[in-house]
Amino acid sequence: METKFTDYQLKPYLKKALAALNFYKPTPIQARLIPVIQSGKSVVGQSQTGSGKTHAFLVPIFNQLNELDQSVQAVITTPSRELADQIYAAARQLAKFSPKPIVIHNYVGGTDKQRQIQHLQHRQPQIVIGTPGRIADLVRNQALKTYTVTKFVVDEADMTLDLGFLKDVDFIAATFPEELQMLVFSATIPQKLEPFLRKYMNAPVIETIPTTTIISPTIDNWLIATQGKDKKALLAQVLHAINPYMALIFANTKKRVDEVSQYLIEQGFKVAKISGELTPRDRKKTMRQIQNLEFQYVVATDLAARGIDIPGISHVINYEIPADLEFFIHRVGRTGRNGMSGIAMTFYVPGQEQIVTEIEKLGVTFQPKRVKQGEIVDTYDRNRRAQRTKQQKTLEPKMIGLVKKEKKKHKPGYKKRIRKAIQKDEWFKRRVEKRESARAERRKNRRDHQD
């Protein structure tokens, strides 16, 4: 029997809010963790992008919130401003149906800190969402009162570690009461993160959602070999061929993002760029333009785009295969959400066949494609040669007769003469096959030209 949100002991307004979002059936991580979090246990949830972890912690937090208590009850940290904005928006959607007002504040870098401090002097939020640095600053200034917190969420913990924010998170956690429910969510659990988890978590419930369950069956994975062609020009051909609703293009470095976005702009594409070099104001402006569908193409790095939820992404393009294959799942998960169909396209260069094989081990089934006459068409599987069964070589009757004749004569050097005869015969057959193949290719080219 399938679990539904209505099966949980949720407040009536939460049921209304979830129904308004068309959320009826919980995702695997929500089904596993919502009952555990509601029981008061600390949790480590390991899952990938698109698994629904935001509502896995928001729903039980709201369900256990005391709306009459005007003190800080829950703090949620996340390493990027954009992800903080999304969690804040999701929280406001849930709070909208509450009969009693719920105060939620979002604190991120690049905003007016002094104004936030002034507001906090008059009223404390019940739920705090934000980036570790800004929340830590407000605590240090004794503006944000965190000694009443009962729930602490560390979202994207591995990225928090990678970006150097763990020290701020540690500082924030040290200000909370000992009786604290801690919820940590991460795509991976790096070894360097384990001391922090041991410091604040006592026997947490650890839930891991396998990667293979996260790749939506509604996503088609296309594999495109560059075959030594100009990669940027090939990308432009692909974009002309697909004409997407919105395409998110991933490169591995800020430099490559700059190169690709600049090239596409020169080719007449309307492109947005998301990288770590953008100022907070430019990032916010760019994200607003993307949300308003002012751009059809977005080029980004993994870290810059991590946690950014852009609705309506029809295509994800891996211009480069990520060095860490976990990021491949993050990228692909940007499309095909909420049961919608999507296409993820991966470029690979000569010599990357083994890396492609490693991706396939993650549960990805590739469809080989190529660009032909402005369209994307099916092509040969890259493993077609390896998959051919070796045919046993047999000699033709005339060669068998030659062997028997030479053996019967037993003249010196008969084995050498047999080998030469066989080699000559094979050379002649290869030459005939090559000639026939060339003729067939010319006929095919003439037909294509006539079409």
Protein backbone atom coordinates (compact mmCIF):
# COMPACT_ATOMS: atom_id res chain seq x y z
CA MET A 1 0.00 0.00 0.00
CA GLU A 2 1.43 3.37 -1.05
CA THR A 3 2.07 6.01 1.59
CA LYS A 4 0.33 9.38 1.18
CA PHE A 5 0.85 12.69 3.00
CA THR A 6 -2.65 12.31 4.39
CA ASP A 7 -1.43 9.20 6.27
CA TYR A 8 0.79 11.37 8.49
CA GLN A 9 -0.56 13.11 11.60
CA LEU A 10 -0.20 16.57 10.07
CA LYS A 11 -1.91 19.81 11.05
CA PRO A 12 -4.91 20.58 8.85
CA TYR A 13 -3.28 23.66 7.32
CA LEU A 14 -0.23 21.61 6.26
CA LYS A 15 -2.46 19.13 4.47
CA LYS A 16 -4.09 22.04 2.63
CA ALA A 17 -0.69 23.53 1.76
CA LEU A 18 0.63 20.21 0.38
CA ALA A 19 -2.53 19.65 -1.63
CA ALA A 20 -2.19 23.16 -3.10
CA LEU A 21 1.32 22.16 -4.25
CA ASN A 22 -0.06 18.94 -5.75
CA PHE A 23 2.03 16.95 -3.28
CA TYR A 24 0.08 13.80 -2.48
CA LYS A 25 2.61 10.98 -2.44
CA PRO A 26 5.92 11.48 -0.55
CA THR A 27 9.23 10.79 -2.28
CA PRO A 28 11.36 7.91 -0.91
CA ILE A 29 13.39 10.19 1.39
CA GLN A 30 10.24 11.94 2.64
CA ALA A 31 8.53 8.62 3.33
CA ARG A 32 11.55 7.39 5.29
CA LEU A 33 12.43 10.52 7.21
CA ILE A 34 9.23 12.44 8.02
CA PRO A 35 8.08 9.83 10.61
CA VAL A 36 11.62 9.63 12.08
CA ILE A 37 11.94 13.43 12.38
CA GLN A 38 8.47 13.65 13.91
CA SER A 39 9.61 11.18 16.57
CA GLY A 40 12.31 13.69 17.65
CA LYS A 41 15.38 11.75 16.51
CA SER A 42 18.41 13.36 14.87
CA VAL A 43 18.94 12.35 11.28
CA VAL A 44 21.59 12.16 8.58
CA GLY A 45 19.90 11.96 5.18
CA GLN A 46 22.08 11.18 2.20
CA SER A 47 20.36 11.81 -1.09
CA GLN A 48 20.81 13.51 -4.42
CA THR A 49 19.33 16.58 -6.07
CA GLY A 50 15.63 16.28 -6.81
CA SER A 51 14.93 13.75 -4.06
CA GLY A 52 12.54 16.06 -2.17
CA LYS A 53 14.69 16.55 0.92
CA THR A 54 13.56 20.19 1.44
CA HIS A 55 10.02 19.13 2.34
CA ALA A 56 11.39 16.09 4.19
CA PHE A 57 12.56 18.51 6.91
CA LEU A 58 10.18 21.46 6.41
CA VAL A 59 6.98 19.45 6.86
CA PRO A 60 7.87 17.99 10.31
CA ILE A 61 9.38 21.32 11.44
CA PHE A 62 6.12 23.13 10.69
CA ASN A 63 4.07 20.30 12.14
CA GLN A 64 5.87 20.59 15.50
CA LEU A 65 6.16 24.38 15.53
CA ASN A 66 4.51 26.25 18.38
CA GLU A 67 2.84 29.14 16.55
CA LEU A 68 2.15 30.99 19.83
CA ASP A 69 5.82 30.99 20.88
CA GLN A 70 7.49 34.07 19.39
CA SER A 71 11.08 32.82 19.96
CA VAL A 72 13.48 31.18 17.46
CA GLN A 73 12.55 27.50 17.25
CA ALA A 74 14.32 26.25 14.10
CA VAL A 75 17.44 27.28 12.19
CA ILE A 76 18.18 26.06 8.66
CA THR A 77 21.59 26.73 7.08
CA THR A 78 22.48 26.21 3.44
CA PRO A 79 25.70 27.20 1.61
CA SER A 80 24.23 29.22 -1.28
CA ARG A 81 22.00 32.29 -1.37
CA GLU A 82 19.86 30.83 -4.13
CA LEU A 83 19.16 27.64 -2.21
CA ALA A 84 18.32 29.70 0.89
CA ASP A 85 15.87 31.71 -1.23
CA GLN A 86 14.23 28.51 -2.46
CA ILE A 87 13.89 26.99 1.00
CA TYR A 88 12.46 30.32 2.19
CA ALA A 89 9.94 30.31 -0.67
CA ALA A 90 8.96 26.70 0.13
CA ALA A 91 8.56 27.57 3.81
CA ARG A 92 6.33 30.55 2.99
CA GLN A 93 4.15 28.30 0.82
CA LEU A 94 3.54 26.02 3.81
CA ALA A 95 3.03 28.90 6.24
CA LYS A 96 0.52 30.61 3.95
CA PHE A 97 -2.27 28.27 5.06
CA SER A 98 -1.60 28.59 8.79
CA PRO A 99 -4.50 30.20 10.72
CA LYS A 100 -1.91 31.87 12.97
CA PRO A 101 0.91 33.98 11.45
CA ILE A 102 4.33 32.31 11.35
CA VAL A 103 7.39 34.58 11.25
CA ILE A 104 10.09 33.30 8.87
CA HIS A 105 13.22 35.27 8.00
CA ASN A 106 15.85 34.65 5.34
CA TYR A 107 19.38 35.89 6.14
CA VAL A 108 22.00 35.73 3.38
CA GLY A 109 25.14 37.60 2.41
CA GLY A 110 24.85 40.64 0.17
CA THR A 111 21.83 42.01 2.07
CA ASP A 112 21.58 44.89 4.56
CA LYS A 113 22.92 43.46 7.82
CA GLN A 114 22.33 46.60 9.92
CA ARG A 115 18.71 46.71 8.93
CA GLN A 116 18.33 43.04 9.87
CA ILE A 117 19.88 43.74 13.29
CA GLN A 118 17.44 46.60 13.87
CA HIS A 119 14.45 44.41 12.99
CA LEU A 120 15.68 41.65 15.29
CA GLN A 121 15.68 44.07 18.22
CA HIS A 122 11.90 44.29 17.90
CA ARG A 123 10.95 40.75 16.94
CA GLN A 124 12.65 37.35 16.63
CA PRO A 125 11.63 34.99 13.81
CA GLN A 126 10.26 31.56 14.65
CA ILE A 127 12.06 29.93 11.72
CA VAL A 128 15.47 31.16 10.50
CA ILE A 129 16.78 30.26 7.03
CA GLY A 130 20.04 31.51 5.57
CA THR A 131 23.71 31.13 4.76
CA PRO A 132 26.09 30.19 7.60
CA GLY A 133 28.19 33.38 7.42
CA ARG A 134 25.29 35.82 7.77
CA ILE A 135 23.51 33.82 10.50
CA ALA A 136 26.80 33.55 12.44
CA ASP A 137 27.29 37.35 12.13
CA LEU A 138 23.82 38.02 13.56
CA VAL A 139 24.49 35.65 16.45
CA ARG A 140 27.88 37.27 17.18
CA ASN A 141 26.18 40.66 17.25
CA GLN A 142 23.74 39.22 19.81
CA ALA A 143 20.90 40.25 17.53
CA LEU A 144 19.65 36.74 16.76
CA LYS A 145 18.73 34.83 19.93
CA THR A 146 19.38 31.15 19.27
CA TYR A 147 19.33 29.75 22.82
CA THR A 148 15.70 28.68 22.34
CA VAL A 149 16.29 26.61 19.18
CA THR A 150 15.12 22.98 19.25
CA LYS A 151 15.74 22.01 15.60
CA PHE A 152 18.83 22.67 13.50
CA VAL A 153 19.06 21.75 9.80
CA VAL A 154 22.37 21.68 7.92
CA ASP A 155 21.43 21.37 4.26
CA GLU A 156 23.99 20.48 1.55
CA ALA A 157 26.55 19.62 4.25
CA ASP A 158 29.21 18.43 1.78
CA MET A 159 29.00 21.69 -0.16
CA THR A 160 29.10 23.62 3.15
CA LEU A 161 32.38 21.85 3.87
CA ASP A 162 33.77 22.40 0.35
CA LEU A 163 33.09 26.15 0.48
CA GLY A 164 34.69 26.57 3.91
CA PHE A 165 31.49 27.37 5.84
CA LEU A 166 31.73 24.53 8.36
CA LYS A 167 33.46 26.76 10.92
CA ASP A 168 30.48 29.14 10.90
CA VAL A 169 28.06 26.22 11.20
CA ASP A 170 30.09 24.90 14.15
CA PHE A 171 29.90 28.32 15.82
CA ILE A 172 26.12 28.50 15.32
CA ALA A 173 25.57 24.97 16.64
CA ALA A 174 27.57 25.74 19.80
CA THR A 175 25.00 28.40 20.78
CA PHE A 176 22.08 25.97 20.85
CA PRO A 177 20.73 24.11 23.91
CA GLU A 178 22.01 20.57 24.56
CA GLU A 179 18.56 19.12 23.88
CA LEU A 180 18.72 19.69 20.15
CA GLN A 181 17.35 17.74 17.21
CA MET A 182 19.87 18.01 14.39
CA LEU A 183 19.03 17.18 10.77
CA VAL A 184 21.91 16.93 8.30
CA PHE A 185 21.32 16.48 4.58
CA SER A 186 24.08 15.83 2.09
CA ALA A 187 24.66 14.25 -1.30
CA THR A 188 27.84 12.63 0.06
CA ILE A 189 29.34 12.25 3.54
CA PRO A 190 33.04 13.20 3.21
CA GLN A 191 35.43 11.92 5.85
CA LYS A 192 36.25 15.49 6.93
CA LEU A 193 32.59 15.99 7.83
CA GLU A 194 32.46 13.07 10.28
CA PRO A 195 34.13 14.82 13.29
CA PHE A 196 31.50 17.58 13.11
CA LEU A 197 28.68 15.02 13.00
CA ARG A 198 30.10 13.10 15.98
CA LYS A 199 30.44 16.35 17.95
CA TYR A 200 26.76 17.31 17.76
CA MET A 201 24.89 14.10 16.96
CA ASN A 202 24.39 11.14 19.28
CA ALA A 203 23.41 7.94 17.44
CA PRO A 204 21.53 9.65 14.60
CA VAL A 205 19.29 7.74 12.22
CA ILE A 206 21.20 7.45 8.94
CA GLU A 207 19.17 7.06 5.77
CA THR A 208 20.73 6.71 2.33
CA ILE A 209 18.63 6.87 -0.81
CA PRO A 210 20.54 4.99 -3.56
CA THR A 211 21.56 7.04 -6.56
CA THR A 212 19.79 4.70 -8.95
CA THR A 213 16.42 5.52 -7.42
CA ILE A 214 16.91 9.25 -8.00
CA ILE A 215 17.30 9.19 -11.79
CA SER A 216 13.79 9.81 -12.99
CA PRO A 217 12.51 7.33 -15.58
CA THR A 218 11.09 10.33 -17.45
CA ILE A 219 14.63 11.51 -18.33
CA ASP A 220 16.24 10.40 -21.60
CA ASN A 221 20.05 10.34 -21.47
CA TRP A 222 21.63 11.12 -24.83
CA LEU A 223 25.33 10.53 -25.47
CA ILE A 224 27.09 12.61 -28.13
CA ALA A 225 30.66 11.87 -29.26
CA THR A 226 32.61 14.98 -30.30
CA GLN A 227 34.90 12.84 -32.51
CA GLY A 228 37.54 15.56 -32.53
CA LYS A 229 35.12 18.24 -33.82
CA ASP A 230 35.08 21.82 -32.56
CA LYS A 231 33.16 21.31 -29.31
CA LYS A 232 31.67 24.80 -29.03
CA ALA A 233 30.50 24.67 -32.65
CA LEU A 234 28.98 21.24 -32.02
CA LEU A 235 27.15 22.64 -28.97
CA ALA A 236 25.72 25.45 -31.10
CA GLN A 237 24.52 22.89 -33.66
CA VAL A 238 22.85 20.87 -30.89
CA LEU A 239 21.09 23.96 -29.48
CA HIS A 240 19.79 24.91 -32.93
CA ALA A 241 18.52 21.35 -33.37
CA ILE A 242 16.67 21.03 -30.05
CA ASN A 243 15.34 24.61 -29.60
CA PRO A 244 14.64 23.90 -25.90
CA TYR A 245 12.12 25.48 -23.56
CA MET A 246 15.11 26.03 -21.27
CA ALA A 247 18.52 24.37 -21.33
CA LEU A 248 20.99 24.27 -18.44
CA ILE A 249 24.54 23.79 -19.75
CA PHE A 250 27.24 22.60 -17.35
CA ALA A 251 30.98 23.20 -17.62
CA ASN A 252 33.61 22.24 -15.03
CA THR A 253 35.35 25.58 -14.46
CA LYS A 254 34.50 29.29 -14.31
CA LYS A 255 36.89 29.88 -17.21
CA ARG A 256 35.09 27.34 -19.39
CA VAL A 257 31.71 28.82 -18.43
CA ASP A 258 32.99 32.22 -19.60
CA GLU A 259 34.29 30.74 -22.88
CA VAL A 260 31.11 28.80 -23.67
CA SER A 261 28.69 31.58 -22.73
CA GLN A 262 30.66 34.17 -24.71
CA TYR A 263 30.78 31.91 -27.79
CA LEU A 264 27.03 31.23 -27.65
CA ILE A 265 26.26 34.94 -27.23
CA GLU A 266 28.38 35.63 -30.34
CA GLN A 267 26.32 33.01 -32.19
CA GLY A 268 23.12 34.88 -31.33
CA PHE A 269 21.86 32.80 -28.40
CA LYS A 270 20.29 34.55 -25.40
CA VAL A 271 22.47 33.16 -22.61
CA ALA A 272 22.69 33.68 -18.85
CA LYS A 273 25.88 32.84 -16.98
CA ILE A 274 26.03 31.67 -13.35
CA SER A 275 29.48 31.55 -11.79
CA GLY A 276 31.16 32.38 -8.50
CA GLU A 277 32.53 35.64 -9.92
CA LEU A 278 29.11 37.33 -10.07
CA THR A 279 28.41 39.91 -7.37
CA PRO A 280 25.43 39.22 -5.07
CA ARG A 281 23.44 41.91 -6.86
CA ASP A 282 24.24 40.48 -10.32
CA ARG A 283 23.44 36.94 -9.18
CA LYS A 284 20.07 38.04 -7.83
CA LYS A 285 19.29 39.98 -10.99
CA THR A 286 20.33 37.05 -13.20
CA MET A 287 18.25 34.58 -11.20
CA ARG A 288 15.23 36.87 -11.41
CA GLN A 289 15.64 37.09 -15.19
CA ILE A 290 15.96 33.30 -15.44
CA GLN A 291 12.84 32.80 -13.33
CA ASN A 292 11.02 35.24 -15.64
CA LEU A 293 12.12 33.14 -18.65
CA GLU A 294 14.15 35.98 -20.16
CA PHE A 295 16.88 33.47 -21.05
CA GLN A 296 16.52 30.23 -22.97
CA TYR A 297 20.03 29.02 -22.10
CA VAL A 298 21.91 29.04 -18.78
CA VAL A 299 25.62 28.14 -18.54
CA ALA A 300 26.93 27.29 -15.07
CA THR A 301 29.47 25.43 -12.96
CA ASP A 302 28.39 22.74 -10.50
CA LEU A 303 29.08 24.79 -7.36
CA ALA A 304 27.40 27.90 -8.74
CA ALA A 305 24.29 25.96 -9.74
CA ARG A 306 24.12 23.55 -6.78
CA GLY A 307 20.74 23.84 -5.14
CA ILE A 308 19.34 26.29 -7.68
CA ASP A 309 15.90 25.09 -8.70
CA ILE A 310 14.97 26.57 -12.06
CA PRO A 311 11.45 25.47 -13.02
CA GLY A 312 10.81 24.27 -16.54
CA ILE A 313 14.28 23.00 -17.48
CA SER A 314 13.64 20.80 -20.52
CA HIS A 315 17.27 19.96 -21.29
CA VAL A 316 20.46 19.52 -19.29
CA ILE A 317 23.67 19.50 -21.32
CA ASN A 318 26.93 18.19 -19.88
CA TYR A 319 29.34 20.16 -22.05
CA GLU A 320 32.03 18.50 -19.96
CA ILE A 321 31.78 15.32 -17.89
CA PRO A 322 32.33 16.27 -14.22
CA ALA A 323 35.50 15.03 -12.52
CA ASP A 324 33.38 13.81 -9.59
CA LEU A 325 30.71 11.57 -11.12
CA GLU A 326 28.34 12.26 -8.20
CA PHE A 327 27.82 15.65 -9.81
CA PHE A 328 26.53 13.90 -12.93
CA ILE A 329 23.46 12.79 -10.96
CA HIS A 330 23.04 16.34 -9.56
CA ARG A 331 23.09 17.75 -13.08
CA VAL A 332 20.72 15.24 -14.64
CA GLY A 333 18.30 15.72 -11.73
CA ARG A 334 17.67 19.32 -12.84
CA THR A 335 15.29 18.12 -15.52
CA GLY A 336 12.48 15.56 -15.48
CA ARG A 337 11.13 16.77 -12.13
CA ASN A 338 7.64 16.15 -10.75
CA GLY A 339 6.93 13.52 -13.39
CA MET A 340 7.76 15.86 -16.29
CA SER A 341 9.82 14.56 -19.20
CA GLY A 342 13.35 15.82 -19.76
CA ILE A 343 16.47 15.19 -21.81
CA ALA A 344 20.03 15.09 -20.46
CA MET A 345 22.76 15.28 -23.10
CA THR A 346 26.38 14.38 -22.41
CA PHE A 347 29.31 15.27 -24.67
CA TYR A 348 32.35 13.00 -24.53
CA VAL A 349 35.69 13.36 -26.25
CA PRO A 350 37.95 10.59 -27.59
CA GLY A 351 39.57 8.75 -24.69
CA GLN A 352 36.62 9.18 -22.29
CA GLU A 353 34.93 5.86 -23.06
CA GLN A 354 35.92 4.42 -19.68
CA ILE A 355 34.43 7.41 -17.84
CA VAL A 356 31.19 6.92 -19.75
CA THR A 357 31.22 3.28 -18.65
CA GLU A 358 31.60 4.40 -15.02
CA ILE A 359 28.54 6.66 -15.40
CA GLU A 360 26.56 3.72 -16.78
CA LYS A 361 27.40 1.83 -13.57
CA LEU A 362 25.46 4.55 -11.69
CA GLY A 363 22.30 3.33 -13.41
CA VAL A 364 22.36 5.60 -16.48
CA THR A 365 21.31 4.13 -19.83
CA PHE A 366 22.68 6.19 -22.70
CA GLN A 367 21.15 6.59 -26.15
CA PRO A 368 23.93 7.37 -28.69
CA LYS A 369 23.10 10.41 -30.84
CA ARG A 370 24.71 12.65 -33.44
CA VAL A 371 23.86 15.82 -35.32
CA LYS A 372 22.99 15.28 -38.99
CA GLN A 373 21.68 17.95 -41.34
CA GLY A 374 20.50 20.11 -38.46
CA GLU A 375 18.73 17.29 -36.63
CA ILE A 376 19.72 14.98 -33.77
CA VAL A 377 19.48 11.37 -34.91
CA ASP A 378 20.31 7.93 -33.56
CA THR A 379 23.80 6.64 -34.21
CA TYR A 380 25.95 3.59 -33.52
CA ASP A 381 26.66 2.41 -30.00
CA ARG A 382 30.27 3.13 -29.09
CA ASN A 383 30.73 -0.51 -27.96
CA ARG A 384 29.52 -2.04 -31.21
CA ARG A 385 32.99 -3.35 -32.13
CA ALA A 386 33.57 -4.90 -28.72
CA GLN A 387 30.15 -6.51 -28.81
CA ARG A 388 30.78 -8.30 -32.10
CA THR A 389 31.50 -11.97 -31.66
CA LYS A 390 34.73 -13.06 -33.22
CA GLN A 391 33.96 -15.16 -36.23
CA GLN A 392 35.98 -18.30 -36.67
CA LYS A 393 38.16 -18.04 -39.73
CA THR A 394 37.56 -20.83 -42.25
CA LEU A 395 39.39 -21.38 -45.50
CA GLU A 396 37.61 -21.54 -48.82
CA PRO A 397 37.64 -24.89 -50.70
CA LYS A 398 40.37 -23.80 -53.11
CA MET A 399 42.64 -22.82 -50.20
CA ILE A 400 41.97 -26.14 -48.47
CA GLY A 401 42.96 -27.90 -51.70
CA LEU A 402 46.18 -25.88 -51.85
CA VAL A 403 47.09 -26.82 -48.29
CA LYS A 404 46.49 -30.52 -48.93
CA LYS A 405 48.47 -30.38 -52.16
CA GLU A 406 51.43 -28.60 -50.56
CA LYS A 407 51.39 -30.96 -47.58
CA LYS A 408 51.43 -33.96 -49.92
CA LYS A 409 54.43 -32.66 -51.83
CA HIS A 410 56.36 -32.06 -48.61
CA LYS A 411 58.74 -29.78 -50.47
CA PRO A 412 60.95 -27.43 -48.42
CA GLY A 413 59.21 -24.17 -47.54
CA TYR A 414 55.68 -25.42 -48.21
CA LYS A 415 54.34 -23.85 -44.97
CA LYS A 416 55.71 -20.46 -45.97
CA ARG A 417 54.09 -20.74 -49.41
CA ILE A 418 50.75 -21.64 -47.76
CA ARG A 419 50.93 -18.58 -45.46
CA LYS A 420 51.72 -16.29 -48.39
CA ALA A 421 48.85 -17.71 -50.39
CA ILE A 422 46.43 -17.21 -47.51
CA GLN A 423 47.65 -13.64 -46.91
CA LYS A 424 47.29 -12.82 -50.60
CA ASP A 425 43.78 -14.24 -50.67
CA GLU A 426 42.76 -12.27 -47.55
CA TRP A 427 44.29 -9.07 -48.97
CA PHE A 428 42.32 -9.51 -52.17
CA LYS A 429 39.04 -10.05 -50.26
CA ARG A 430 39.67 -6.95 -48.07
CA ARG A 431 40.28 -4.91 -51.19
CA VAL A 432 37.00 -6.05 -52.74
CA GLU A 433 35.09 -5.34 -49.50
CA LYS A 434 36.65 -1.87 -49.24
CA ARG A 435 35.72 -1.09 -52.85
CA GLU A 436 32.13 -2.27 -52.31
CA SER A 437 31.88 -0.25 -49.09
CA ALA A 438 33.10 2.90 -50.84
CA ARG A 439 30.55 2.42 -53.61
CA ALA A 440 27.75 1.96 -51.09
CA GLU A 441 28.81 5.12 -49.23
CA ARG A 442 28.83 7.13 -52.48
CA ARG A 443 25.35 5.86 -53.37
CA LYS A 444 24.12 6.77 -49.88
CA ASN A 445 25.63 10.29 -50.11
CA ARG A 446 23.93 10.83 -53.47
CA ARG A 447 20.57 9.79 -52.02
CA ASP A 448 21.04 12.08 -49.00
CA HIS A 449 21.97 14.96 -51.31
CA GLN A 450 18.88 14.37 -53.43
CA ASP A 451 16.66 14.30 -50.31
